Amino acid sequence: MRLTRYTDYALRTLIYVGLHEPRQSSIAEIARAYGISESHLTKVVHQLGRLGLIRTIRGRGGGLRLARAPGEIVVGAVARQTEDDLALVECFSGGACAITAPCRLRRVLGEALSAFLAVLDRYTLADLIEDPEGRDIAKLLGLHQDGDEFAPIASV
């Protein structure tokens, strides 16, 4: 099973914004922290906003914030909502196959996909950003501890 870059960016965006709470984040700073394209990230952020996972505040002083508590954002749900196609093989999406009726491969792969998603469903964004890993990730992303909150490290 391989998730698309789109889902990867969605999860990384949620991690960044979650670690940066309660401060607002910007697409530019997230893109810079991960070394990814702002234009691709803009599409991801737009969908995360439509899904109700982040709030986008426009205009001067605007930015991104989580729309839900990290413990309410389930990793498996994010994967399902951001992946265009979880069909592992052609027959999952109604494609023709000469052996579809008696084939066990479809059932085995279906079971494997269900198990993969079940594992992702056991985790929330809170699990991905809690300490001590959360502090390590924040440091790698250019965030540092400011009291009990993370703040962006000033650019030099």
N, C-alpha and C. Protein backbone atom coordinates (compact mmCIF):
# COMPACT_ATOMS: atom_id res chain seq x y z
N MET A 1 0.85 -1.17 0.00
CA MET A 1 0.00 0.00 0.00
C MET A 1 0.89 1.23 0.00
N ARG A 2 0.57 2.16 -0.84
CA ARG A 2 1.34 3.40 -0.90
C ARG A 2 0.38 4.57 -0.95
N LEU A 3 0.55 5.50 -0.04
CA LEU A 3 -0.27 6.70 -0.04
C LEU A 3 0.34 7.70 -1.02
N THR A 4 -0.51 8.54 -1.57
CA THR A 4 -0.04 9.55 -2.52
C THR A 4 0.69 10.67 -1.79
N ARG A 5 1.43 11.43 -2.55
CA ARG A 5 2.13 12.59 -2.02
C ARG A 5 1.11 13.58 -1.44
N TYR A 6 -0.07 13.65 -2.05
CA TYR A 6 -1.13 14.54 -1.60
C TYR A 6 -1.52 14.23 -0.15
N THR A 7 -1.73 12.95 0.15
CA THR A 7 -2.07 12.54 1.51
C THR A 7 -0.90 12.79 2.45
N ASP A 8 0.30 12.53 2.00
CA ASP A 8 1.50 12.81 2.79
C ASP A 8 1.54 14.29 3.17
N TYR A 9 1.32 15.17 2.19
CA TYR A 9 1.33 16.61 2.45
C TYR A 9 0.20 16.99 3.41
N ALA A 10 -0.96 16.37 3.27
CA ALA A 10 -2.08 16.66 4.16
C ALA A 10 -1.72 16.31 5.60
N LEU A 11 -1.15 15.14 5.80
CA LEU A 11 -0.78 14.71 7.15
C LEU A 11 0.34 15.59 7.72
N ARG A 12 1.32 15.92 6.89
CA ARG A 12 2.41 16.78 7.35
C ARG A 12 1.91 18.18 7.70
N THR A 13 0.95 18.68 6.91
CA THR A 13 0.36 19.99 7.21
C THR A 13 -0.34 19.97 8.56
N LEU A 14 -1.12 18.92 8.80
CA LEU A 14 -1.82 18.80 10.08
C LEU A 14 -0.84 18.71 11.24
N ILE A 15 0.26 17.99 11.05
CA ILE A 15 1.28 17.89 12.09
C ILE A 15 1.87 19.26 12.38
N TYR A 16 2.23 19.99 11.34
CA TYR A 16 2.83 21.32 11.51
C TYR A 16 1.86 22.25 12.23
N VAL A 17 0.65 22.33 11.72
CA VAL A 17 -0.34 23.24 12.30
C VAL A 17 -0.64 22.83 13.74
N GLY A 18 -0.74 21.52 13.99
CA GLY A 18 -0.99 21.03 15.34
C GLY A 18 0.12 21.39 16.31
N LEU A 19 1.35 21.29 15.86
CA LEU A 19 2.49 21.64 16.71
C LEU A 19 2.60 23.14 16.94
N HIS A 20 2.10 23.92 15.99
CA HIS A 20 2.23 25.38 16.03
C HIS A 20 1.09 26.03 16.82
N GLU A 21 0.06 25.26 17.16
CA GLU A 21 -1.05 25.81 17.93
C GLU A 21 -0.53 26.36 19.25
N PRO A 22 -1.07 27.43 19.77
CA PRO A 22 -2.26 28.13 19.31
C PRO A 22 -1.98 29.21 18.27
N ARG A 23 -0.74 29.33 17.86
CA ARG A 23 -0.44 30.32 16.83
C ARG A 23 -0.94 29.87 15.47
N GLN A 24 -1.15 30.84 14.59
CA GLN A 24 -1.55 30.53 13.21
C GLN A 24 -0.31 30.18 12.39
N SER A 25 -0.51 29.34 11.40
CA SER A 25 0.55 28.96 10.49
C SER A 25 0.22 29.52 9.12
N SER A 26 1.22 29.59 8.26
CA SER A 26 0.97 30.03 6.88
C SER A 26 1.42 28.93 5.92
N ILE A 27 0.84 28.94 4.75
CA ILE A 27 1.23 27.98 3.72
C ILE A 27 2.71 28.14 3.40
N ALA A 28 3.17 29.38 3.31
CA ALA A 28 4.58 29.63 2.98
C ALA A 28 5.52 29.03 4.01
N GLU A 29 5.22 29.20 5.29
CA GLU A 29 6.13 28.66 6.31
C GLU A 29 6.09 27.15 6.36
N ILE A 30 4.92 26.56 6.12
CA ILE A 30 4.83 25.09 6.09
C ILE A 30 5.61 24.54 4.90
N ALA A 31 5.42 25.16 3.75
CA ALA A 31 6.14 24.73 2.54
C ALA A 31 7.65 24.85 2.74
N ARG A 32 8.06 25.94 3.35
CA ARG A 32 9.50 26.16 3.60
C ARG A 32 10.04 25.12 4.59
N ALA A 33 9.28 24.83 5.63
CA ALA A 33 9.74 23.87 6.64
C ALA A 33 9.94 22.48 6.06
N TYR A 34 9.06 22.09 5.14
CA TYR A 34 9.13 20.75 4.55
C TYR A 34 9.87 20.71 3.21
N GLY A 35 10.17 21.89 2.66
CA GLY A 35 10.82 21.93 1.35
C GLY A 35 9.91 21.43 0.24
N ILE A 36 8.64 21.83 0.29
CA ILE A 36 7.67 21.41 -0.73
C ILE A 36 7.06 22.63 -1.41
N SER A 37 6.42 22.39 -2.53
CA SER A 37 5.84 23.45 -3.35
C SER A 37 4.65 24.12 -2.66
N GLU A 38 4.67 25.46 -2.64
CA GLU A 38 3.53 26.20 -2.09
C GLU A 38 2.26 25.96 -2.89
N SER A 39 2.39 25.85 -4.21
CA SER A 39 1.19 25.66 -5.04
C SER A 39 0.53 24.32 -4.75
N HIS A 40 1.31 23.26 -4.58
CA HIS A 40 0.74 21.96 -4.23
C HIS A 40 0.11 22.03 -2.83
N LEU A 41 0.81 22.66 -1.92
CA LEU A 41 0.33 22.77 -0.56
C LEU A 41 -0.96 23.58 -0.48
N THR A 42 -1.10 24.58 -1.33
CA THR A 42 -2.32 25.39 -1.35
C THR A 42 -3.53 24.52 -1.67
N LYS A 43 -3.39 23.61 -2.61
CA LYS A 43 -4.49 22.70 -2.95
C LYS A 43 -4.83 21.80 -1.77
N VAL A 44 -3.82 21.30 -1.10
CA VAL A 44 -4.02 20.43 0.05
C VAL A 44 -4.74 21.19 1.17
N VAL A 45 -4.27 22.39 1.46
CA VAL A 45 -4.86 23.21 2.52
C VAL A 45 -6.31 23.53 2.20
N HIS A 46 -6.58 23.82 0.94
CA HIS A 46 -7.97 24.11 0.53
C HIS A 46 -8.87 22.92 0.85
N GLN A 47 -8.43 21.71 0.52
CA GLN A 47 -9.24 20.53 0.82
C GLN A 47 -9.36 20.29 2.32
N LEU A 48 -8.27 20.46 3.05
CA LEU A 48 -8.34 20.29 4.51
C LEU A 48 -9.34 21.26 5.12
N GLY A 49 -9.42 22.45 4.57
CA GLY A 49 -10.41 23.42 5.02
C GLY A 49 -11.82 22.97 4.70
N ARG A 50 -12.04 22.48 3.47
CA ARG A 50 -13.37 21.99 3.07
C ARG A 50 -13.80 20.79 3.91
N LEU A 51 -12.83 19.98 4.33
CA LEU A 51 -13.13 18.80 5.15
C LEU A 51 -13.37 19.16 6.62
N GLY A 52 -13.15 20.42 6.98
CA GLY A 52 -13.37 20.84 8.35
C GLY A 52 -12.25 20.45 9.30
N LEU A 53 -11.06 20.20 8.75
CA LEU A 53 -9.93 19.83 9.59
C LEU A 53 -9.09 21.03 10.01
N ILE A 54 -9.06 22.04 9.14
CA ILE A 54 -8.37 23.28 9.49
C ILE A 54 -9.27 24.46 9.16
N ARG A 55 -9.02 25.56 9.86
CA ARG A 55 -9.70 26.81 9.57
C ARG A 55 -8.71 27.69 8.84
N THR A 56 -9.16 28.30 7.78
CA THR A 56 -8.31 29.23 7.05
C THR A 56 -8.86 30.64 7.30
N ILE A 57 -8.00 31.50 7.81
CA ILE A 57 -8.37 32.88 8.08
C ILE A 57 -7.68 33.74 7.03
N ARG A 58 -8.47 34.44 6.25
CA ARG A 58 -7.92 35.22 5.14
C ARG A 58 -7.54 36.61 5.59
N GLY A 59 -6.73 37.25 4.74
CA GLY A 59 -6.38 38.64 4.96
C GLY A 59 -5.20 38.84 5.89
N ARG A 60 -4.97 40.12 6.15
CA ARG A 60 -3.85 40.49 7.02
C ARG A 60 -4.06 39.86 8.40
N GLY A 61 -3.03 39.24 8.91
CA GLY A 61 -3.14 38.56 10.19
C GLY A 61 -3.80 37.20 10.08
N GLY A 62 -4.03 36.74 8.86
CA GLY A 62 -4.68 35.46 8.64
C GLY A 62 -3.71 34.31 8.77
N GLY A 63 -4.21 33.13 8.53
CA GLY A 63 -3.38 31.94 8.59
C GLY A 63 -4.22 30.69 8.77
N LEU A 64 -3.57 29.65 9.21
CA LEU A 64 -4.21 28.34 9.37
C LEU A 64 -4.20 27.94 10.84
N ARG A 65 -5.31 27.35 11.26
CA ARG A 65 -5.45 26.80 12.61
C ARG A 65 -6.19 25.49 12.49
N LEU A 66 -6.02 24.62 13.45
CA LEU A 66 -6.81 23.40 13.48
C LEU A 66 -8.27 23.76 13.73
N ALA A 67 -9.17 23.09 13.05
CA ALA A 67 -10.60 23.32 13.26
C ALA A 67 -11.16 22.38 14.32
N ARG A 68 -10.40 21.36 14.66
CA ARG A 68 -10.80 20.39 15.68
C ARG A 68 -9.61 20.12 16.60
N ALA A 69 -9.91 19.57 17.74
CA ALA A 69 -8.84 19.16 18.64
C ALA A 69 -8.03 18.04 17.98
N PRO A 70 -6.72 18.00 18.19
CA PRO A 70 -5.89 16.95 17.59
C PRO A 70 -6.40 15.53 17.86
N GLY A 71 -6.97 15.31 19.03
CA GLY A 71 -7.49 13.99 19.38
C GLY A 71 -8.72 13.59 18.59
N GLU A 72 -9.33 14.54 17.88
CA GLU A 72 -10.51 14.27 17.07
C GLU A 72 -10.19 14.05 15.60
N ILE A 73 -8.93 14.25 15.22
CA ILE A 73 -8.52 14.09 13.81
C ILE A 73 -7.88 12.71 13.67
N VAL A 74 -8.62 11.78 13.07
CA VAL A 74 -8.19 10.38 12.94
C VAL A 74 -7.38 10.22 11.65
N VAL A 75 -6.19 9.65 11.78
CA VAL A 75 -5.29 9.50 10.64
C VAL A 75 -5.95 8.69 9.51
N GLY A 76 -6.63 7.61 9.84
CA GLY A 76 -7.29 6.79 8.81
C GLY A 76 -8.35 7.57 8.06
N ALA A 77 -9.10 8.41 8.75
CA ALA A 77 -10.12 9.23 8.09
C ALA A 77 -9.46 10.23 7.13
N VAL A 78 -8.36 10.82 7.54
CA VAL A 78 -7.64 11.75 6.67
C VAL A 78 -7.19 11.02 5.40
N ALA A 79 -6.63 9.83 5.56
CA ALA A 79 -6.18 9.05 4.40
C ALA A 79 -7.35 8.75 3.46
N ARG A 80 -8.47 8.32 4.01
CA ARG A 80 -9.64 8.02 3.17
C ARG A 80 -10.14 9.26 2.44
N GLN A 81 -10.09 10.42 3.10
CA GLN A 81 -10.63 11.64 2.52
C GLN A 81 -9.69 12.30 1.52
N THR A 82 -8.41 11.99 1.59
CA THR A 82 -7.47 12.65 0.68
C THR A 82 -6.96 11.74 -0.43
N GLU A 83 -7.16 10.46 -0.31
CA GLU A 83 -6.76 9.54 -1.38
C GLU A 83 -7.87 9.49 -2.43
N ASP A 84 -7.49 9.68 -3.68
CA ASP A 84 -8.46 9.59 -4.77
C ASP A 84 -8.95 8.18 -4.98
N ASP A 85 -8.06 7.22 -4.77
CA ASP A 85 -8.39 5.85 -5.14
C ASP A 85 -7.64 4.87 -4.23
N LEU A 86 -8.38 4.16 -3.42
CA LEU A 86 -7.76 3.14 -2.57
C LEU A 86 -7.87 1.75 -3.19
N ALA A 87 -8.22 1.70 -4.47
CA ALA A 87 -8.33 0.42 -5.17
C ALA A 87 -6.92 -0.11 -5.42
N LEU A 88 -6.58 -1.21 -4.75
CA LEU A 88 -5.24 -1.76 -4.89
C LEU A 88 -5.02 -2.43 -6.24
N VAL A 89 -6.07 -3.01 -6.78
CA VAL A 89 -5.98 -3.65 -8.09
C VAL A 89 -7.21 -3.25 -8.91
N GLU A 90 -7.13 -3.48 -10.19
CA GLU A 90 -8.16 -3.04 -11.13
C GLU A 90 -9.56 -3.54 -10.78
N CYS A 91 -9.67 -4.76 -10.29
CA CYS A 91 -11.00 -5.32 -10.02
C CYS A 91 -11.68 -4.64 -8.83
N PHE A 92 -10.92 -3.92 -7.99
CA PHE A 92 -11.53 -3.19 -6.87
C PHE A 92 -12.41 -2.05 -7.37
N SER A 93 -12.05 -1.51 -8.51
CA SER A 93 -12.78 -0.35 -9.03
C SER A 93 -13.67 -0.71 -10.21
N GLY A 94 -14.05 -1.98 -10.29
CA GLY A 94 -14.96 -2.40 -11.35
C GLY A 94 -14.29 -2.75 -12.67
N GLY A 95 -12.97 -2.76 -12.70
CA GLY A 95 -12.25 -3.11 -13.91
C GLY A 95 -12.43 -4.57 -14.27
N ALA A 96 -12.27 -4.87 -15.52
CA ALA A 96 -12.46 -6.23 -16.00
C ALA A 96 -11.24 -7.09 -15.70
N CYS A 97 -11.52 -8.32 -15.28
CA CYS A 97 -10.47 -9.31 -15.05
C CYS A 97 -11.08 -10.67 -15.38
N ALA A 98 -10.35 -11.48 -16.09
CA ALA A 98 -10.86 -12.78 -16.53
C ALA A 98 -11.11 -13.74 -15.37
N ILE A 99 -10.48 -13.53 -14.23
CA ILE A 99 -10.62 -14.49 -13.13
C ILE A 99 -11.33 -13.89 -11.91
N THR A 100 -12.05 -12.79 -12.07
CA THR A 100 -12.66 -12.10 -10.93
C THR A 100 -13.53 -13.00 -10.08
N ALA A 101 -14.42 -13.78 -10.66
CA ALA A 101 -15.38 -14.57 -9.87
C ALA A 101 -14.69 -15.56 -8.91
N PRO A 102 -13.78 -16.42 -9.37
CA PRO A 102 -13.19 -17.38 -8.44
C PRO A 102 -11.91 -16.89 -7.75
N CYS A 103 -11.49 -15.68 -8.02
CA CYS A 103 -10.18 -15.21 -7.55
C CYS A 103 -10.19 -14.89 -6.05
N ARG A 104 -9.19 -15.45 -5.36
CA ARG A 104 -9.03 -15.18 -3.93
C ARG A 104 -8.16 -13.94 -3.69
N LEU A 105 -7.40 -13.55 -4.70
CA LEU A 105 -6.51 -12.40 -4.54
C LEU A 105 -7.29 -11.15 -4.15
N ARG A 106 -8.43 -10.94 -4.76
CA ARG A 106 -9.25 -9.77 -4.46
C ARG A 106 -9.62 -9.76 -2.97
N ARG A 107 -10.04 -10.90 -2.43
CA ARG A 107 -10.41 -10.99 -1.03
C ARG A 107 -9.19 -10.75 -0.13
N VAL A 108 -8.06 -11.34 -0.48
CA VAL A 108 -6.85 -11.19 0.32
C VAL A 108 -6.40 -9.72 0.33
N LEU A 109 -6.38 -9.10 -0.83
CA LEU A 109 -5.97 -7.70 -0.91
C LEU A 109 -6.98 -6.78 -0.20
N GLY A 110 -8.25 -7.12 -0.30
CA GLY A 110 -9.28 -6.36 0.42
C GLY A 110 -9.08 -6.44 1.93
N GLU A 111 -8.73 -7.62 2.40
CA GLU A 111 -8.46 -7.81 3.82
C GLU A 111 -7.22 -7.02 4.24
N ALA A 112 -6.21 -7.03 3.39
CA ALA A 112 -4.98 -6.29 3.69
C ALA A 112 -5.25 -4.78 3.75
N LEU A 113 -6.03 -4.28 2.81
CA LEU A 113 -6.38 -2.86 2.81
C LEU A 113 -7.17 -2.51 4.07
N SER A 114 -8.11 -3.35 4.44
CA SER A 114 -8.90 -3.11 5.65
C SER A 114 -8.00 -3.08 6.89
N ALA A 115 -7.03 -3.98 6.95
CA ALA A 115 -6.11 -4.02 8.09
C ALA A 115 -5.25 -2.76 8.12
N PHE A 116 -4.77 -2.33 6.97
CA PHE A 116 -3.96 -1.10 6.86
C PHE A 116 -4.75 0.09 7.39
N LEU A 117 -5.98 0.24 6.93
CA LEU A 117 -6.81 1.37 7.36
C LEU A 117 -7.20 1.25 8.82
N ALA A 118 -7.40 0.02 9.31
CA ALA A 118 -7.74 -0.19 10.72
C ALA A 118 -6.60 0.29 11.62
N VAL A 119 -5.36 0.05 11.21
CA VAL A 119 -4.22 0.54 12.00
C VAL A 119 -4.22 2.06 11.99
N LEU A 120 -4.40 2.68 10.84
CA LEU A 120 -4.43 4.15 10.77
C LEU A 120 -5.57 4.71 11.60
N ASP A 121 -6.68 3.99 11.67
CA ASP A 121 -7.83 4.44 12.45
C ASP A 121 -7.56 4.44 13.96
N ARG A 122 -6.54 3.73 14.39
CA ARG A 122 -6.22 3.68 15.82
C ARG A 122 -5.45 4.92 16.28
N TYR A 123 -5.03 5.76 15.36
CA TYR A 123 -4.20 6.91 15.69
C TYR A 123 -4.87 8.22 15.31
N THR A 124 -4.61 9.22 16.15
CA THR A 124 -5.10 10.57 15.87
C THR A 124 -3.91 11.50 15.70
N LEU A 125 -4.22 12.71 15.31
CA LEU A 125 -3.16 13.72 15.20
C LEU A 125 -2.48 13.92 16.55
N ALA A 126 -3.22 13.82 17.63
CA ALA A 126 -2.62 13.96 18.96
C ALA A 126 -1.52 12.93 19.18
N ASP A 127 -1.73 11.71 18.70
CA ASP A 127 -0.71 10.67 18.83
C ASP A 127 0.56 11.03 18.06
N LEU A 128 0.41 11.76 16.97
CA LEU A 128 1.55 12.10 16.12
C LEU A 128 2.35 13.28 16.64
N ILE A 129 1.71 14.12 17.46
CA ILE A 129 2.40 15.34 17.89
C ILE A 129 2.68 15.40 19.39
N GLU A 130 2.30 14.35 20.11
CA GLU A 130 2.54 14.40 21.56
C GLU A 130 4.02 14.23 21.85
N ASP A 131 4.41 14.66 23.04
CA ASP A 131 5.80 14.57 23.47
C ASP A 131 6.19 13.14 23.78
N PRO A 132 7.47 12.78 23.68
CA PRO A 132 8.59 13.66 23.38
C PRO A 132 8.81 13.88 21.89
N GLU A 133 8.21 13.05 21.03
CA GLU A 133 8.43 13.18 19.60
C GLU A 133 7.97 14.54 19.07
N GLY A 134 6.89 15.05 19.62
CA GLY A 134 6.36 16.34 19.17
C GLY A 134 7.39 17.45 19.28
N ARG A 135 8.09 17.49 20.39
CA ARG A 135 9.12 18.52 20.57
C ARG A 135 10.27 18.32 19.58
N ASP A 136 10.64 17.08 19.33
CA ASP A 136 11.71 16.79 18.36
C ASP A 136 11.29 17.21 16.96
N ILE A 137 10.07 16.89 16.60
CA ILE A 137 9.56 17.27 15.27
C ILE A 137 9.51 18.79 15.16
N ALA A 138 9.02 19.45 16.20
CA ALA A 138 8.92 20.91 16.18
C ALA A 138 10.29 21.54 15.96
N LYS A 139 11.30 21.01 16.61
CA LYS A 139 12.65 21.54 16.42
C LYS A 139 13.11 21.35 14.98
N LEU A 140 12.85 20.18 14.41
CA LEU A 140 13.25 19.91 13.02
C LEU A 140 12.52 20.81 12.03
N LEU A 141 11.32 21.23 12.39
CA LEU A 141 10.52 22.08 11.51
C LEU A 141 10.81 23.57 11.69
N GLY A 142 11.74 23.88 12.59
CA GLY A 142 12.07 25.29 12.81
C GLY A 142 11.16 25.96 13.81
N LEU A 143 10.52 25.17 14.65
CA LEU A 143 9.70 25.71 15.73
C LEU A 143 10.48 25.47 17.02
N HIS A 144 10.31 26.34 17.98
CA HIS A 144 10.98 26.11 19.27
C HIS A 144 10.00 26.38 20.38
N GLN A 145 10.33 25.88 21.54
CA GLN A 145 9.45 26.03 22.70
C GLN A 145 9.54 27.46 23.21
N ASP A 146 8.35 28.04 23.45
CA ASP A 146 8.25 29.38 24.01
C ASP A 146 7.26 29.28 25.16
N GLY A 147 7.77 29.02 26.38
CA GLY A 147 6.87 28.71 27.49
C GLY A 147 6.30 27.33 27.23
N ASP A 148 5.00 27.20 27.22
CA ASP A 148 4.37 25.93 26.92
C ASP A 148 3.93 25.84 25.47
N GLU A 149 4.25 26.84 24.66
CA GLU A 149 3.82 26.87 23.28
C GLU A 149 5.01 26.81 22.36
N PHE A 150 4.77 26.44 21.11
CA PHE A 150 5.82 26.46 20.11
C PHE A 150 5.71 27.76 19.34
N ALA A 151 6.83 28.32 19.00
CA ALA A 151 6.84 29.56 18.22
C ALA A 151 7.85 29.41 17.10
N PRO A 152 7.62 30.07 15.96
CA PRO A 152 8.59 29.95 14.88
C PRO A 152 9.92 30.58 15.28
N ILE A 153 11.00 29.94 14.88
CA ILE A 153 12.31 30.52 15.12
C ILE A 153 12.51 31.63 14.11
N ALA A 154 12.94 32.77 14.57
CA ALA A 154 13.11 33.93 13.68
C ALA A 154 14.15 33.62 12.61
N SER A 155 13.82 34.02 11.38
CA SER A 155 14.76 33.84 10.27
C SER A 155 15.90 34.83 10.39
N VAL A 156 17.08 34.39 10.02
CA VAL A 156 18.25 35.26 10.10
C VAL A 156 18.57 35.80 8.74
